Amino acid sequence: MKFLTAITIILATAAAPSSVSAFAPSRLTHTRSSTAGADSSFKQLLATKQDSPLFVDKTDTHSSVSDYYGKTLQASSDLKTNACCTAHIPNPTVTSAIAQIHPAVLAKYYGCGFCTPDLLDGMTVLDLGCGAGRDVYIASQLVGPNGRVIGVDMTKEQLDTAREYQGYHAEKFGYDNVEFHEGLIEKLDEIESLKDGSVDVIISNCVINLCPDKDAVLKNCHRLLKEGGELYFSDVYSNRRIPQSLRDDEVLWGECLSGALYWNDFHNLAKACGFKDPRLVEDAPITVNNKEIQDMLQRQGHGDLEFYSATYRLIKLDCLEPFCEDFGQAVIYKGTIPRAESGWALDNHHYMETGKVFPVCGNTYNMLKQTRFEEHFEFIGDFSKHYGIFDGCGTSIPYNSAKANVGGSNGGGSSGGGCC
């Protein structure tokens, strides 16, 4: 896949705590510069817990986010930044699928990417934070009548819209293969129909950053996925840890900025939850096109905080290793994945041209051979001899869109985990 490039507006931050695993919002009032936003007032949270930077009242956090997306925001145009907006154009198949979706559902879309991995036909797909159902209804068409799509969201108003038009889409598609559940994505174990190892693909679109317990979300995803399944999702990340003053801001939380994970904390968290080799698919800078927010950040002395929208795939395979080890292996892509006849990208570091021998590390070899992608590749080599680690398995920020800001190499050659 090609990377999106744009100019990143640099935001800034003060020193952050050495470890941050939870966040909570508080208060900021401002107006949208380009579109009149809904009038709202925001309560101050954590009034008695200012001395505890990691304190989180999850009930208030969930209530705050639910109110923001269920009551404050009435349409995509009410957003105050572009963090929850998709900048790039989808492929023709997704474009056609979107054209079949009711306008009322599309109007309440607040995502930051397109969570549409290849080869979904007949799959069971779970959409975390499905909102009004746009991505559920896209996936419904991609999995077809033999597949199943499950949407989970905590915001009643959003789910009301999704369910209101379920019959409309069933008639439009010729089948009804979707279901919606109200609940927290940190507590997927409370949804009885979701069984361990029952899901092929989990998607999520700019939602996990809104959750106060991201560890629980990723652990639930790993538990629900089949071996060889994947979490394929778009979300918001930062180049450093978010300072407490921003984590305590309710609007920036709802706009998907305050809850953004520092990219390296995310990589480490994903690995700790069982996803041993996170793969970056694509990324783009997030610009905060709101003068009042920009001015506020500058006044507070926050000079170098950057946000990125990034799509990752986290594949559940117990055999994966923490780094990219060289076993002298290679693959040949057959050109048989629909809409990818000339070549196909597993991630932003592995674009494989049809018919060409492509050297891979052991992890990439297994990601292709032990998943739904196997029939589309020829495999060369085995694990009988180890040649060491692949050169360039670095630990610098993986986002291509960040490199434009520093005017050079990231120094490590790392691209979301793949180094071969």
Foldseek 3Di string as FASTA:
>chain_A
DDFDADDFDFFFADDADPDAQFFAAAADDDAAPPDGFADDGTHGPCPVPPVPLRDDPQVVLQVLLLCCLQPRDQFQRNARFCQQPADDDDDPLLVVQLVLDDPSLNRSRRFHYQQDDFDQALFEEEEEQCFLNSNQSSSDLVNDQNYAYEYEHQHPNRPVNNVVCQVVSCVSRVHRRYYYDHDHLLPPVVVPVQAFQRGQEYEYGAPLLSHRRNLSNLLVVLRRHHQLGKYKYKHKAKCDQHHSVLSHHSSCSSSRHSSHYHVVVVQVSNCVSQLQFKFWAYKYWIYRPGVVVRVVSVVVVGGGMTMMITIIMRHHHNPDDNAFWFQPKWKAFQLPGPPRNQWDAPGPVDIHGHGDTGGFGPRVLCSQCVHPNNVRMDIDGDNPDTDGGAALRADFDQHPNVCVVVVDDSPRCDHRRTRD
